[in-house]
Amino acid sequence: MTDISIIIVVIVLTLAAAFILIYRRKKTKLSVSAYITTDVVEQKSFRKGTIVSDSNGTIYEILLKLKITNNTDSYLEILSVFIEYEFEEDSTSEFEIIPNEFPISIEQLDNCEISIQKEWLDYENVNSLGVIDSDGNRYSVSKQNLDKVWLESNNLPSAKNKYDKKQGPMDVTTDFVVVDRYRIKSTS
C-alpha cells in the first residue's frame, strides 16, 4: 500500500466511526409498547387486574402490559409509568403509577415487561402513556399503539364503578380501586 492509500483508509475508518457514534447518540434509549393480556389465574394468587370468568368457571385476569426495550450499551433504571389525560379547555392531568416492582433496571440491549391495571386506560381522554427513567426522560408508547390498546381495553370488562355524588347527571363519576402506588404529577 502506498502512503496515500493508508491515509485514505484511515480517513474512511475515522469517518465511519464518527457516523456510528452520531447514530448511537441520536438513537432512542428506550422503546415502549403496550398491549392487553388475559391470563388464567389460580384461585389463591394475588390479582391486580380485572377479574373475569368463562362458562367453565376458569378465572382470568385482564392487565395492561408495557414492554420496555433498552436500546443502549448501558443499563437504565425505570422509576414509574405515566399516563396523561386531556380535558376540556386544554387542561391536562398526569398520573405517575409506581408498581411494587419499581424501580427496575434494564440491562443493556435487554427488555422487560411490567403490568398495571387496564382501568387506567378506560377513560375517553387518554393523551399519552409511557415510562420515566431515573434521569427524568420520558418514553411514550406510539400514538398508533396507544389508540389500538385503548380501543381493546374499552371493549373488555372493567372494574370501574359509577358513583352518584348527588342526584343530577353531572354529579356521576367513575373510578376504580387502585392497586399500585400512584401520585398526581401535574395538572394544568
N, C-alpha and C. Protein backbone atom coordinates (compact mmCIF):
# COMPACT_ATOMS: atom_id res chain seq x y z
N MET A 1 0.84 -1.19 0.00
CA MET A 1 0.00 0.00 0.00
C MET A 1 0.87 1.24 0.00
N THR A 2 0.42 2.19 -0.70
CA THR A 2 1.15 3.45 -0.73
C THR A 2 0.72 4.31 0.45
N ASP A 3 1.45 5.33 0.70
CA ASP A 3 1.14 6.24 1.79
C ASP A 3 -0.23 6.89 1.61
N ILE A 4 -0.57 7.22 0.38
CA ILE A 4 -1.86 7.86 0.10
C ILE A 4 -3.00 6.87 0.39
N SER A 5 -2.82 5.62 0.04
CA SER A 5 -3.85 4.60 0.31
C SER A 5 -4.06 4.43 1.80
N ILE A 6 -2.99 4.43 2.56
CA ILE A 6 -3.10 4.30 4.02
C ILE A 6 -3.83 5.49 4.61
N ILE A 7 -3.51 6.68 4.14
CA ILE A 7 -4.18 7.89 4.63
C ILE A 7 -5.67 7.84 4.29
N ILE A 8 -6.02 7.41 3.10
CA ILE A 8 -7.43 7.32 2.69
C ILE A 8 -8.17 6.30 3.57
N VAL A 9 -7.55 5.14 3.83
CA VAL A 9 -8.18 4.12 4.68
C VAL A 9 -8.39 4.67 6.08
N VAL A 10 -7.41 5.37 6.64
CA VAL A 10 -7.54 5.96 7.99
C VAL A 10 -8.66 6.99 8.02
N ILE A 11 -8.75 7.83 7.00
CA ILE A 11 -9.82 8.84 6.94
C ILE A 11 -11.19 8.17 6.85
N VAL A 12 -11.32 7.16 6.00
CA VAL A 12 -12.60 6.46 5.84
C VAL A 12 -13.00 5.78 7.15
N LEU A 13 -12.07 5.12 7.83
CA LEU A 13 -12.38 4.47 9.11
C LEU A 13 -12.74 5.48 10.18
N THR A 14 -12.08 6.62 10.20
CA THR A 14 -12.39 7.67 11.16
C THR A 14 -13.79 8.22 10.92
N LEU A 15 -14.13 8.48 9.66
CA LEU A 15 -15.47 8.97 9.33
C LEU A 15 -16.54 7.94 9.68
N ALA A 16 -16.27 6.67 9.41
CA ALA A 16 -17.23 5.61 9.74
C ALA A 16 -17.46 5.55 11.24
N ALA A 17 -16.39 5.63 12.02
CA ALA A 17 -16.52 5.62 13.49
C ALA A 17 -17.31 6.82 13.97
N ALA A 18 -17.07 8.00 13.37
CA ALA A 18 -17.80 9.21 13.77
C ALA A 18 -19.29 9.06 13.45
N PHE A 19 -19.63 8.52 12.28
CA PHE A 19 -21.04 8.32 11.92
C PHE A 19 -21.72 7.33 12.86
N ILE A 20 -21.01 6.29 13.26
CA ILE A 20 -21.57 5.31 14.19
C ILE A 20 -21.84 5.97 15.54
N LEU A 21 -20.93 6.77 16.03
CA LEU A 21 -21.13 7.48 17.31
C LEU A 21 -22.31 8.45 17.23
N ILE A 22 -22.41 9.18 16.14
CA ILE A 22 -23.52 10.12 15.97
C ILE A 22 -24.84 9.36 15.93
N TYR A 23 -24.88 8.25 15.19
CA TYR A 23 -26.10 7.45 15.10
C TYR A 23 -26.52 6.93 16.47
N ARG A 24 -25.56 6.42 17.24
CA ARG A 24 -25.87 5.86 18.56
C ARG A 24 -26.36 6.92 19.51
N ARG A 25 -25.86 8.14 19.41
CA ARG A 25 -26.32 9.21 20.29
C ARG A 25 -27.73 9.65 19.94
N LYS A 26 -28.08 9.60 18.64
CA LYS A 26 -29.41 10.00 18.21
C LYS A 26 -30.45 8.90 18.44
N LYS A 27 -29.99 7.68 18.58
CA LYS A 27 -30.89 6.54 18.74
C LYS A 27 -31.65 6.67 20.06
N THR A 28 -32.94 6.38 20.03
CA THR A 28 -33.76 6.45 21.23
C THR A 28 -33.25 5.44 22.25
N LYS A 29 -33.12 5.89 23.49
CA LYS A 29 -32.61 5.00 24.53
C LYS A 29 -33.57 3.85 24.82
N LEU A 30 -34.84 4.17 24.93
CA LEU A 30 -35.84 3.15 25.25
C LEU A 30 -36.95 3.17 24.21
N SER A 31 -37.50 2.01 23.95
CA SER A 31 -38.73 1.95 23.18
C SER A 31 -39.77 1.26 24.07
N VAL A 32 -41.00 1.74 23.98
CA VAL A 32 -42.07 1.25 24.85
C VAL A 32 -43.27 0.89 23.98
N SER A 33 -43.82 -0.29 24.22
CA SER A 33 -45.06 -0.69 23.55
C SER A 33 -46.03 -1.22 24.60
N ALA A 34 -47.30 -1.17 24.29
CA ALA A 34 -48.34 -1.59 25.24
C ALA A 34 -49.26 -2.61 24.59
N TYR A 35 -49.77 -3.50 25.42
CA TYR A 35 -50.75 -4.48 24.93
C TYR A 35 -51.56 -5.00 26.12
N ILE A 36 -52.71 -5.56 25.82
CA ILE A 36 -53.62 -6.11 26.83
C ILE A 36 -53.39 -7.62 26.90
N THR A 37 -53.32 -8.16 28.12
CA THR A 37 -53.21 -9.61 28.29
C THR A 37 -54.40 -10.12 29.09
N THR A 38 -54.76 -11.35 28.79
CA THR A 38 -55.79 -12.06 29.55
C THR A 38 -55.16 -13.38 29.95
N ASP A 39 -54.81 -13.48 31.23
CA ASP A 39 -54.10 -14.66 31.73
C ASP A 39 -54.96 -15.44 32.72
N VAL A 40 -54.87 -16.76 32.66
CA VAL A 40 -55.54 -17.61 33.64
C VAL A 40 -54.85 -17.40 34.98
N VAL A 41 -55.63 -17.27 36.06
CA VAL A 41 -55.05 -17.12 37.39
C VAL A 41 -55.54 -18.24 38.30
N GLU A 42 -54.71 -18.55 39.27
CA GLU A 42 -55.10 -19.53 40.27
C GLU A 42 -55.97 -18.84 41.32
N GLN A 43 -56.79 -19.60 41.98
CA GLN A 43 -57.72 -19.05 42.97
C GLN A 43 -57.01 -18.25 44.06
N LYS A 44 -55.84 -18.70 44.50
CA LYS A 44 -55.20 -18.08 45.66
C LYS A 44 -54.15 -17.04 45.30
N SER A 45 -53.95 -16.78 44.01
CA SER A 45 -52.89 -15.85 43.64
C SER A 45 -53.34 -14.40 43.81
N PHE A 46 -52.35 -13.52 43.97
CA PHE A 46 -52.62 -12.09 44.05
C PHE A 46 -53.15 -11.62 42.71
N ARG A 47 -54.17 -10.82 42.73
CA ARG A 47 -54.77 -10.32 41.50
C ARG A 47 -54.72 -8.81 41.46
N LYS A 48 -54.16 -8.31 40.40
CA LYS A 48 -54.06 -6.87 40.20
C LYS A 48 -55.08 -6.41 39.16
N GLY A 49 -55.33 -7.25 38.19
CA GLY A 49 -56.14 -6.85 37.04
C GLY A 49 -57.63 -7.07 37.23
N THR A 50 -58.35 -6.84 36.15
CA THR A 50 -59.79 -7.04 36.10
C THR A 50 -60.06 -8.54 36.02
N ILE A 51 -60.89 -9.02 36.92
CA ILE A 51 -61.17 -10.46 37.01
C ILE A 51 -62.45 -10.78 36.23
N VAL A 52 -62.33 -11.77 35.34
CA VAL A 52 -63.48 -12.28 34.59
C VAL A 52 -63.41 -13.80 34.61
N SER A 53 -64.53 -14.44 34.35
CA SER A 53 -64.52 -15.90 34.26
C SER A 53 -65.34 -16.34 33.06
N ASP A 54 -65.01 -17.52 32.56
CA ASP A 54 -65.74 -18.06 31.42
C ASP A 54 -66.83 -19.01 31.91
N SER A 55 -67.55 -19.62 30.98
CA SER A 55 -68.66 -20.50 31.32
C SER A 55 -68.21 -21.77 32.06
N ASN A 56 -66.92 -22.12 31.96
CA ASN A 56 -66.38 -23.29 32.66
C ASN A 56 -65.91 -22.95 34.08
N GLY A 57 -65.98 -21.68 34.45
CA GLY A 57 -65.54 -21.27 35.77
C GLY A 57 -64.06 -20.92 35.85
N THR A 58 -63.38 -20.93 34.72
CA THR A 58 -61.96 -20.55 34.70
C THR A 58 -61.86 -19.04 34.92
N ILE A 59 -60.99 -18.65 35.83
CA ILE A 59 -60.85 -17.24 36.18
C ILE A 59 -59.67 -16.65 35.39
N TYR A 60 -59.91 -15.47 34.81
CA TYR A 60 -58.90 -14.76 34.04
C TYR A 60 -58.66 -13.38 34.66
N GLU A 61 -57.47 -12.87 34.43
CA GLU A 61 -57.10 -11.54 34.88
C GLU A 61 -56.69 -10.73 33.65
N ILE A 62 -57.34 -9.57 33.45
CA ILE A 62 -57.02 -8.70 32.32
C ILE A 62 -56.11 -7.59 32.83
N LEU A 63 -54.96 -7.43 32.18
CA LEU A 63 -53.98 -6.42 32.58
C LEU A 63 -53.49 -5.63 31.37
N LEU A 64 -53.00 -4.44 31.62
CA LEU A 64 -52.28 -3.66 30.63
C LEU A 64 -50.79 -3.91 30.86
N LYS A 65 -50.10 -4.38 29.83
CA LYS A 65 -48.66 -4.63 29.95
C LYS A 65 -47.90 -3.66 29.08
N LEU A 66 -46.76 -3.23 29.61
CA LEU A 66 -45.84 -2.39 28.86
C LEU A 66 -44.55 -3.17 28.66
N LYS A 67 -44.09 -3.23 27.43
CA LYS A 67 -42.81 -3.85 27.13
C LYS A 67 -41.81 -2.71 26.91
N ILE A 68 -40.75 -2.73 27.70
CA ILE A 68 -39.73 -1.68 27.66
C ILE A 68 -38.44 -2.30 27.15
N THR A 69 -37.90 -1.74 26.07
CA THR A 69 -36.67 -2.26 25.47
C THR A 69 -35.57 -1.21 25.59
N ASN A 70 -34.44 -1.63 26.17
CA ASN A 70 -33.27 -0.76 26.32
C ASN A 70 -32.40 -0.92 25.08
N ASN A 71 -32.27 0.13 24.28
CA ASN A 71 -31.52 0.09 23.03
C ASN A 71 -30.09 0.61 23.18
N THR A 72 -29.60 0.72 24.40
CA THR A 72 -28.27 1.31 24.61
C THR A 72 -27.28 0.26 25.09
N ASP A 73 -26.04 0.70 25.28
CA ASP A 73 -24.98 -0.18 25.75
C ASP A 73 -24.79 -0.10 27.26
N SER A 74 -25.71 0.54 27.97
CA SER A 74 -25.62 0.62 29.43
C SER A 74 -26.99 0.34 30.04
N TYR A 75 -27.00 0.04 31.34
CA TYR A 75 -28.29 -0.25 31.96
C TYR A 75 -29.03 1.05 32.23
N LEU A 76 -30.34 0.97 32.25
CA LEU A 76 -31.19 2.12 32.56
C LEU A 76 -32.15 1.72 33.67
N GLU A 77 -32.50 2.69 34.50
CA GLU A 77 -33.41 2.44 35.59
C GLU A 77 -34.74 3.14 35.30
N ILE A 78 -35.83 2.41 35.43
CA ILE A 78 -37.17 2.93 35.21
C ILE A 78 -37.81 3.19 36.56
N LEU A 79 -38.34 4.41 36.75
CA LEU A 79 -38.91 4.79 38.04
C LEU A 79 -40.43 4.70 38.09
N SER A 80 -41.10 4.96 36.96
CA SER A 80 -42.56 4.96 37.00
C SER A 80 -43.15 4.87 35.60
N VAL A 81 -44.45 4.62 35.59
CA VAL A 81 -45.26 4.67 34.38
C VAL A 81 -46.04 5.97 34.45
N PHE A 82 -46.20 6.66 33.33
CA PHE A 82 -47.03 7.87 33.36
C PHE A 82 -48.19 7.72 32.39
N ILE A 83 -49.28 8.38 32.74
CA ILE A 83 -50.43 8.46 31.85
C ILE A 83 -50.98 9.87 31.96
N GLU A 84 -51.28 10.46 30.81
CA GLU A 84 -51.77 11.83 30.79
C GLU A 84 -53.17 11.84 30.19
N TYR A 85 -54.05 12.58 30.84
CA TYR A 85 -55.42 12.75 30.37
C TYR A 85 -55.60 14.20 29.95
N GLU A 86 -56.34 14.39 28.87
CA GLU A 86 -56.64 15.74 28.39
C GLU A 86 -58.12 16.00 28.61
N PHE A 87 -58.43 17.15 29.17
CA PHE A 87 -59.81 17.50 29.47
C PHE A 87 -60.24 18.70 28.63
N GLU A 88 -61.45 19.14 28.86
CA GLU A 88 -61.97 20.30 28.13
C GLU A 88 -61.10 21.52 28.39
N GLU A 89 -61.14 22.43 27.44
CA GLU A 89 -60.41 23.69 27.55
C GLU A 89 -58.91 23.48 27.69
N ASP A 90 -58.37 22.45 27.06
CA ASP A 90 -56.93 22.17 27.02
C ASP A 90 -56.29 21.94 28.37
N SER A 91 -57.05 21.55 29.37
CA SER A 91 -56.44 21.22 30.66
C SER A 91 -56.02 19.75 30.65
N THR A 92 -54.93 19.45 31.34
CA THR A 92 -54.43 18.09 31.40
C THR A 92 -54.15 17.69 32.84
N SER A 93 -54.10 16.40 33.05
CA SER A 93 -53.74 15.85 34.35
C SER A 93 -52.87 14.64 34.10
N GLU A 94 -51.76 14.55 34.83
CA GLU A 94 -50.84 13.44 34.65
C GLU A 94 -50.70 12.66 35.94
N PHE A 95 -50.73 11.34 35.81
CA PHE A 95 -50.53 10.44 36.94
C PHE A 95 -49.26 9.66 36.73
N GLU A 96 -48.51 9.45 37.81
CA GLU A 96 -47.37 8.53 37.79
C GLU A 96 -47.78 7.30 38.58
N ILE A 97 -47.68 6.15 37.95
CA ILE A 97 -48.03 4.88 38.56
C ILE A 97 -46.73 4.18 38.91
N ILE A 98 -46.63 3.70 40.14
CA ILE A 98 -45.39 3.08 40.62
C ILE A 98 -45.69 1.66 41.10
N PRO A 99 -45.61 0.69 40.18
CA PRO A 99 -45.85 -0.70 40.58
C PRO A 99 -44.86 -1.15 41.66
N ASN A 100 -45.24 -2.16 42.42
CA ASN A 100 -44.41 -2.64 43.54
C ASN A 100 -43.00 -3.03 43.11
N GLU A 101 -42.83 -3.52 41.90
CA GLU A 101 -41.51 -3.96 41.45
C GLU A 101 -40.59 -2.81 41.04
N PHE A 102 -41.08 -1.59 41.05
CA PHE A 102 -40.26 -0.43 40.66
C PHE A 102 -39.46 0.09 41.84
N PRO A 103 -38.31 0.71 41.61
CA PRO A 103 -37.67 0.92 40.32
C PRO A 103 -37.10 -0.37 39.77
N ILE A 104 -37.02 -0.45 38.45
CA ILE A 104 -36.44 -1.63 37.81
C ILE A 104 -35.27 -1.20 36.92
N SER A 105 -34.27 -2.05 36.85
CA SER A 105 -33.13 -1.80 35.98
C SER A 105 -33.23 -2.73 34.78
N ILE A 106 -32.96 -2.18 33.62
CA ILE A 106 -32.96 -2.96 32.39
C ILE A 106 -31.53 -2.97 31.87
N GLU A 107 -30.97 -4.15 31.75
CA GLU A 107 -29.60 -4.29 31.26
C GLU A 107 -29.51 -3.82 29.81
N GLN A 108 -28.29 -3.60 29.38
CA GLN A 108 -28.05 -3.14 28.02
C GLN A 108 -28.63 -4.11 27.00
N LEU A 109 -29.25 -3.55 25.99
CA LEU A 109 -29.83 -4.31 24.88
C LEU A 109 -30.77 -5.42 25.36
N ASP A 110 -31.49 -5.17 26.45
CA ASP A 110 -32.42 -6.14 27.02
C ASP A 110 -33.80 -5.49 27.11
N ASN A 111 -34.78 -6.25 27.56
CA ASN A 111 -36.12 -5.69 27.73
C ASN A 111 -36.79 -6.31 28.94
N CYS A 112 -37.88 -5.71 29.35
CA CYS A 112 -38.69 -6.25 30.44
C CYS A 112 -40.14 -5.90 30.18
N GLU A 113 -41.03 -6.55 30.91
CA GLU A 113 -42.45 -6.27 30.82
C GLU A 113 -42.97 -5.97 32.22
N ILE A 114 -43.84 -4.99 32.31
CA ILE A 114 -44.47 -4.66 33.58
C ILE A 114 -45.98 -4.58 33.35
N SER A 115 -46.72 -4.80 34.44
CA SER A 115 -48.18 -4.81 34.35
C SER A 115 -48.78 -3.74 35.24
N ILE A 116 -49.81 -3.10 34.72
CA ILE A 116 -50.63 -2.19 35.53
C ILE A 116 -52.09 -2.51 35.23
N GLN A 117 -52.97 -1.94 36.02
CA GLN A 117 -54.40 -2.17 35.81
C GLN A 117 -54.83 -1.53 34.49
N LYS A 118 -55.64 -2.24 33.73
CA LYS A 118 -56.12 -1.72 32.46
C LYS A 118 -57.07 -0.55 32.65
N GLU A 119 -57.64 -0.42 33.84
CA GLU A 119 -58.61 0.66 34.10
C GLU A 119 -58.00 2.05 33.92
N TRP A 120 -56.68 2.16 34.01
CA TRP A 120 -56.05 3.45 33.75
C TRP A 120 -56.37 3.93 32.33
N LEU A 121 -56.64 3.00 31.41
CA LEU A 121 -56.96 3.36 30.03
C LEU A 121 -58.45 3.53 29.78
N ASP A 122 -59.26 3.15 30.71
CA ASP A 122 -60.70 3.11 30.48
C ASP A 122 -61.38 4.46 30.67
N TYR A 123 -60.78 5.49 30.12
CA TYR A 123 -61.34 6.83 30.10
C TYR A 123 -61.24 7.34 28.68
N GLU A 124 -62.09 8.28 28.30
CA GLU A 124 -62.16 8.73 26.92
C GLU A 124 -61.02 9.66 26.53
N ASN A 125 -60.32 10.20 27.47
CA ASN A 125 -59.41 11.30 27.17
C ASN A 125 -57.93 10.97 27.43
N VAL A 126 -57.50 9.75 27.15
CA VAL A 126 -56.10 9.38 27.36
C VAL A 126 -55.26 10.04 26.26
N ASN A 127 -54.29 10.83 26.68
CA ASN A 127 -53.48 11.59 25.75
C ASN A 127 -52.13 10.91 25.47
N SER A 128 -51.51 10.36 26.52
CA SER A 128 -50.22 9.67 26.34
C SER A 128 -49.99 8.69 27.47
N LEU A 129 -49.11 7.71 27.19
CA LEU A 129 -48.78 6.65 28.13
C LEU A 129 -47.33 6.28 27.89
N GLY A 130 -46.57 6.06 28.96
CA GLY A 130 -45.18 5.69 28.79
C GLY A 130 -44.49 5.48 30.12
N VAL A 131 -43.16 5.54 30.11
CA VAL A 131 -42.36 5.35 31.31
C VAL A 131 -41.39 6.51 31.49
N ILE A 132 -40.92 6.66 32.74
CA ILE A 132 -39.96 7.70 33.09
C ILE A 132 -38.72 7.03 33.66
N ASP A 133 -37.54 7.40 33.13
CA ASP A 133 -36.30 6.81 33.65
C ASP A 133 -35.72 7.65 34.79
N SER A 134 -34.61 7.20 35.35
CA SER A 134 -34.02 7.85 36.51
C SER A 134 -33.46 9.23 36.20
N ASP A 135 -33.28 9.57 34.93
CA ASP A 135 -32.83 10.91 34.55
C ASP A 135 -34.01 11.84 34.27
N GLY A 136 -35.23 11.34 34.44
CA GLY A 136 -36.41 12.15 34.18
C GLY A 136 -36.86 12.14 32.73
N ASN A 137 -36.19 11.36 31.89
CA ASN A 137 -36.57 11.26 30.48
C ASN A 137 -37.86 10.45 30.35
N ARG A 138 -38.71 10.88 29.43
CA ARG A 138 -39.99 10.22 29.20
C ARG A 138 -39.94 9.49 27.85
N TYR A 139 -40.49 8.29 27.87
CA TYR A 139 -40.55 7.47 26.66
C TYR A 139 -41.99 7.01 26.50
N SER A 140 -42.63 7.47 25.44
CA SER A 140 -44.06 7.22 25.24
C SER A 140 -44.31 6.07 24.28
N VAL A 141 -45.45 5.45 24.50
CA VAL A 141 -45.99 4.49 23.55
C VAL A 141 -46.41 5.29 22.32
N SER A 142 -46.22 4.74 21.14
CA SER A 142 -46.63 5.47 19.92
C SER A 142 -48.13 5.74 19.95
N LYS A 143 -48.54 6.79 19.28
CA LYS A 143 -49.96 7.16 19.23
C LYS A 143 -50.79 6.03 18.62
N GLN A 144 -50.26 5.39 17.59
CA GLN A 144 -50.97 4.27 16.95
C GLN A 144 -51.15 3.11 17.93
N ASN A 145 -50.10 2.76 18.66
CA ASN A 145 -50.18 1.68 19.65
C ASN A 145 -51.14 2.06 20.77
N LEU A 146 -51.08 3.31 21.24
CA LEU A 146 -51.98 3.76 22.30
C LEU A 146 -53.43 3.69 21.86
N ASP A 147 -53.73 4.14 20.66
CA ASP A 147 -55.11 4.10 20.16
C ASP A 147 -55.62 2.66 20.08
N LYS A 148 -54.77 1.76 19.59
CA LYS A 148 -55.17 0.35 19.45
C LYS A 148 -55.44 -0.29 20.82
N VAL A 149 -54.54 -0.10 21.76
CA VAL A 149 -54.71 -0.72 23.08
C VAL A 149 -55.86 -0.06 23.85
N TRP A 150 -56.09 1.22 23.62
CA TRP A 150 -57.21 1.92 24.25
C TRP A 150 -58.53 1.32 23.78
N LEU A 151 -58.67 1.12 22.47
CA LEU A 151 -59.90 0.52 21.93
C LEU A 151 -60.11 -0.89 22.49
N GLU A 152 -59.05 -1.67 22.52
CA GLU A 152 -59.15 -3.03 23.04
C GLU A 152 -59.56 -3.03 24.50
N SER A 153 -58.94 -2.18 25.30
CA SER A 153 -59.24 -2.12 26.73
C SER A 153 -60.69 -1.71 26.98
N ASN A 154 -61.16 -0.73 26.24
CA ASN A 154 -62.51 -0.23 26.44
C ASN A 154 -63.59 -1.18 25.93
N ASN A 155 -63.21 -2.18 25.14
CA ASN A 155 -64.16 -3.19 24.69
C ASN A 155 -64.18 -4.41 25.60
N LEU A 156 -63.39 -4.40 26.65
CA LEU A 156 -63.34 -5.50 27.61
C LEU A 156 -64.04 -5.09 28.91
N PRO A 157 -64.39 -6.07 29.74
CA PRO A 157 -64.98 -5.71 31.04
C PRO A 157 -64.02 -4.84 31.85
N SER A 158 -64.59 -4.01 32.71
CA SER A 158 -63.79 -3.09 33.50
C SER A 158 -64.20 -3.15 34.97
N ALA A 159 -63.25 -2.86 35.84
CA ALA A 159 -63.55 -2.80 37.28
C ALA A 159 -63.94 -1.39 37.71
N LYS A 160 -64.12 -0.50 36.73
CA LYS A 160 -64.57 0.86 37.06
C LYS A 160 -66.01 0.80 37.58
N ASN A 161 -66.28 1.63 38.54
CA ASN A 161 -67.63 1.74 39.08
C ASN A 161 -68.11 3.17 38.94
N LYS A 162 -69.42 3.33 38.78
CA LYS A 162 -70.01 4.66 38.72
C LYS A 162 -70.55 5.02 40.09
N TYR A 163 -70.29 6.24 40.48
CA TYR A 163 -70.76 6.74 41.77
C TYR A 163 -71.55 8.01 41.54
N ASP A 164 -72.71 8.07 42.14
CA ASP A 164 -73.56 9.25 42.06
C ASP A 164 -73.31 10.07 43.31
N LYS A 165 -72.58 11.18 43.17
CA LYS A 165 -72.23 12.01 44.32
C LYS A 165 -73.45 12.75 44.87
N LYS A 166 -74.36 13.10 44.00
CA LYS A 166 -75.57 13.81 44.44
C LYS A 166 -76.76 13.19 43.73
N GLN A 167 -77.48 13.99 42.98
CA GLN A 167 -78.66 13.47 42.30
C GLN A 167 -78.69 13.75 40.80
N GLY A 168 -77.94 14.72 40.34
CA GLY A 168 -78.01 15.11 38.93
C GLY A 168 -77.08 14.29 38.05
N PRO A 169 -77.33 14.28 36.74
CA PRO A 169 -76.48 13.51 35.82
C PRO A 169 -75.05 14.04 35.75
N MET A 170 -74.83 15.30 36.06
CA MET A 170 -73.49 15.88 36.04
C MET A 170 -72.68 15.49 37.28
N ASP A 171 -73.34 14.87 38.25
CA ASP A 171 -72.67 14.51 39.50
C ASP A 171 -72.23 13.04 39.53
N VAL A 172 -72.30 12.36 38.39
CA VAL A 172 -71.87 10.96 38.33
C VAL A 172 -70.39 10.92 37.97
N THR A 173 -69.63 10.14 38.70
CA THR A 173 -68.21 9.99 38.43
C THR A 173 -67.88 8.50 38.34
N THR A 174 -66.81 8.18 37.65
CA THR A 174 -66.37 6.80 37.58
C THR A 174 -64.95 6.71 38.12
N ASP A 175 -64.68 5.65 38.86
CA ASP A 175 -63.33 5.40 39.34
C ASP A 175 -63.16 3.92 39.63
N PHE A 176 -61.97 3.55 40.05
CA PHE A 176 -61.67 2.16 40.36
C PHE A 176 -60.71 2.11 41.53
N VAL A 177 -60.64 0.96 42.17
CA VAL A 177 -59.72 0.78 43.30
C VAL A 177 -58.33 0.57 42.72
N VAL A 178 -57.42 1.47 43.05
CA VAL A 178 -56.06 1.42 42.51
C VAL A 178 -55.21 0.52 43.39
N VAL A 179 -54.51 -0.44 42.77
CA VAL A 179 -53.68 -1.40 43.48
C VAL A 179 -52.26 -0.87 43.68
N ASP A 180 -51.67 -0.32 42.62
CA ASP A 180 -50.30 0.20 42.69
C ASP A 180 -50.28 1.59 43.32
N ARG A 181 -49.10 1.95 43.83
CA ARG A 181 -48.93 3.33 44.32
C ARG A 181 -49.02 4.26 43.12
N TYR A 182 -49.49 5.46 43.37
CA TYR A 182 -49.55 6.46 42.29
C TYR A 182 -49.52 7.85 42.91
N ARG A 183 -49.26 8.83 42.06
CA ARG A 183 -49.35 10.23 42.50
C ARG A 183 -49.77 11.06 41.30
N ILE A 184 -50.47 12.13 41.63
CA ILE A 184 -50.84 13.08 40.59
C ILE A 184 -49.62 13.96 40.39
N LYS A 185 -49.06 13.89 39.21
CA LYS A 185 -47.82 14.60 38.93
C LYS A 185 -48.06 16.06 38.61
N SER A 186 -49.02 16.31 37.76
CA SER A 186 -49.28 17.72 37.38
C SER A 186 -50.68 17.86 36.84
N THR A 187 -51.18 19.04 36.97
CA THR A 187 -52.44 19.41 36.36
C THR A 187 -52.28 20.81 35.80
N SER A 188 -52.87 21.04 34.67
CA SER A 188 -52.81 22.39 34.08
C SER A 188 -54.09 22.69 33.36
